[in-house]
Amino acid sequence: MTYVVTDKCIRCKYMDCVEVCPVDCFYEGENMLVIHPDECIDCGVCEPECPVDAIRPDTEPGLEQWLSVNTEYANKWPNITVKRESPADSAEFENVEGKFDKYFSAEPGQGD
């Protein structure tokens, strides 16, 4: 098992999870974070830190797409280990449905 970041993170990009991760397995895209599944130690400390419930165990049904997205982009985006400010408009996107098709960006974030 590993944890994955889902589309609930897109355009919210709260980074509370980053500062509690003991193995620094988060990677930053332009408008979301992902978890590297080969680096995640399944400790689960990040899951309750996410204010929008974007982090889920990959054993939940229907998360296969998110395991693929996390795997692909963790290998392309820079590592992030320090919490920074979320986007100014993040609260406006907390309950938006279907964010992947509308807002996902494959561009990397700034990382550390």
Protein backbone atom coordinates (compact mmCIF):
# COMPACT_ATOMS: atom_id res chain seq x y z
CA MET A 1 0.00 0.00 0.00
CA THR A 2 0.94 3.62 -0.53
CA TYR A 3 -0.86 6.92 -0.31
CA VAL A 4 -1.86 8.97 -3.33
CA VAL A 5 -2.88 12.56 -3.89
CA THR A 6 -6.17 12.93 -5.77
CA ASP A 7 -7.72 15.72 -7.82
CA LYS A 8 -9.03 17.38 -4.67
CA CYS A 9 -5.53 18.89 -4.39
CA ILE A 10 -5.66 20.57 -7.80
CA ARG A 11 -5.78 24.38 -7.47
CA CYS A 12 -5.92 24.04 -3.65
CA LYS A 13 -2.38 22.80 -3.13
CA TYR A 14 -2.38 23.05 0.63
CA MET A 15 1.04 21.93 1.81
CA ASP A 16 0.35 20.87 5.39
CA CYS A 17 1.18 17.30 4.36
CA VAL A 18 4.67 18.19 3.21
CA GLU A 19 5.96 19.31 6.58
CA VAL A 20 4.87 16.14 8.41
CA CYS A 21 6.23 13.61 5.90
CA PRO A 22 9.17 11.78 7.52
CA VAL A 23 10.64 10.62 4.19
CA ASP A 24 10.08 13.68 1.97
CA CYS A 25 8.13 11.80 -0.70
CA PHE A 26 6.06 14.76 -1.97
CA TYR A 27 6.68 16.31 -5.38
CA GLU A 28 5.35 19.63 -6.57
CA GLY A 29 3.51 20.45 -9.74
CA GLU A 30 2.33 23.86 -10.80
CA ASN A 31 -1.07 23.40 -9.16
CA MET A 32 -0.97 20.19 -7.11
CA LEU A 33 1.28 17.82 -5.19
CA VAL A 34 1.89 14.10 -5.70
CA ILE A 35 3.41 11.32 -3.60
CA HIS A 36 6.17 9.10 -4.95
CA PRO A 37 4.77 5.60 -4.31
CA ASP A 38 8.20 3.97 -4.14
CA GLU A 39 9.34 6.42 -1.46
CA CYS A 40 6.17 6.50 0.66
CA ILE A 41 6.52 4.33 3.78
CA ASP A 42 2.77 4.10 4.33
CA CYS A 43 2.92 5.80 7.72
CA GLY A 44 -0.27 7.76 7.05
CA VAL A 45 0.72 10.93 8.92
CA CYS A 46 0.00 13.07 5.86
CA GLU A 47 -3.59 11.92 5.33
CA PRO A 48 -5.24 13.72 8.27
CA GLU A 49 -3.20 16.88 7.62
CA CYS A 50 -4.89 17.59 4.29
CA PRO A 51 -7.74 20.05 4.85
CA VAL A 52 -9.55 18.93 1.66
CA ASP A 53 -9.13 15.15 2.10
CA ALA A 54 -7.04 14.84 -1.07
CA ILE A 55 -4.73 12.13 0.28
CA ARG A 56 -6.07 8.60 0.24
CA PRO A 57 -4.64 5.08 0.61
CA ASP A 58 -4.29 3.46 -2.80
CA THR A 59 -6.16 0.42 -1.52
CA GLU A 60 -9.46 2.30 -1.78
CA PRO A 61 -11.47 1.32 -4.86
CA GLY A 62 -11.28 3.63 -7.87
CA LEU A 63 -7.88 5.16 -7.16
CA GLU A 64 -5.92 3.38 -9.89
CA GLN A 65 -5.81 6.56 -12.00
CA TRP A 66 -4.32 8.46 -9.07
CA LEU A 67 -1.63 5.88 -8.47
CA SER A 68 -0.63 6.30 -12.13
CA VAL A 69 -0.71 10.12 -11.94
CA ASN A 70 1.32 10.15 -8.71
CA THR A 71 3.87 7.70 -10.12
CA GLU A 72 4.31 9.56 -13.41
CA TYR A 73 4.63 13.06 -12.02
CA ALA A 74 6.71 12.17 -8.97
CA ASN A 75 9.34 11.18 -11.50
CA LYS A 76 9.04 14.49 -13.39
CA TRP A 77 8.39 17.16 -10.76
CA PRO A 78 10.78 18.55 -8.12
CA ASN A 79 10.78 17.35 -4.54
CA ILE A 80 9.19 19.59 -1.94
CA THR A 81 9.95 19.33 1.77
CA VAL A 82 8.99 22.78 3.05
CA LYS A 83 5.46 24.10 3.49
CA ARG A 84 4.81 27.31 1.61
CA GLU A 85 1.71 29.44 1.18
CA SER A 86 -1.13 27.91 -0.79
CA PRO A 87 -2.48 29.75 -3.82
CA ALA A 88 -4.47 32.85 -2.85
CA ASP A 89 -7.63 31.46 -4.48
CA SER A 90 -7.29 27.90 -3.14
CA ALA A 91 -10.44 28.08 -0.99
CA GLU A 92 -12.52 28.77 -4.10
CA PHE A 93 -11.55 25.36 -5.51
CA GLU A 94 -12.03 23.18 -2.43
CA ASN A 95 -15.38 21.70 -3.48
CA VAL A 96 -15.08 21.85 -7.26
CA GLU A 97 -15.72 18.49 -8.94
CA GLY A 98 -13.85 17.13 -11.97
CA LYS A 99 -10.79 19.28 -11.44
CA PHE A 100 -8.40 16.97 -13.30
CA ASP A 101 -10.06 17.47 -16.68
CA LYS A 102 -10.57 21.20 -16.16
CA TYR A 103 -7.50 22.40 -14.28
CA PHE A 104 -4.67 19.85 -14.09
CA SER A 105 -1.29 21.19 -15.20
CA ALA A 106 1.60 18.87 -16.06
CA GLU A 107 4.02 21.74 -15.50
CA PRO A 108 6.42 21.38 -12.55
CA GLY A 109 6.27 23.55 -9.47
CA GLN A 110 9.27 25.26 -7.92
CA GLY A 111 10.18 22.55 -5.39
CA ASP A 112 12.76 23.30 -2.71
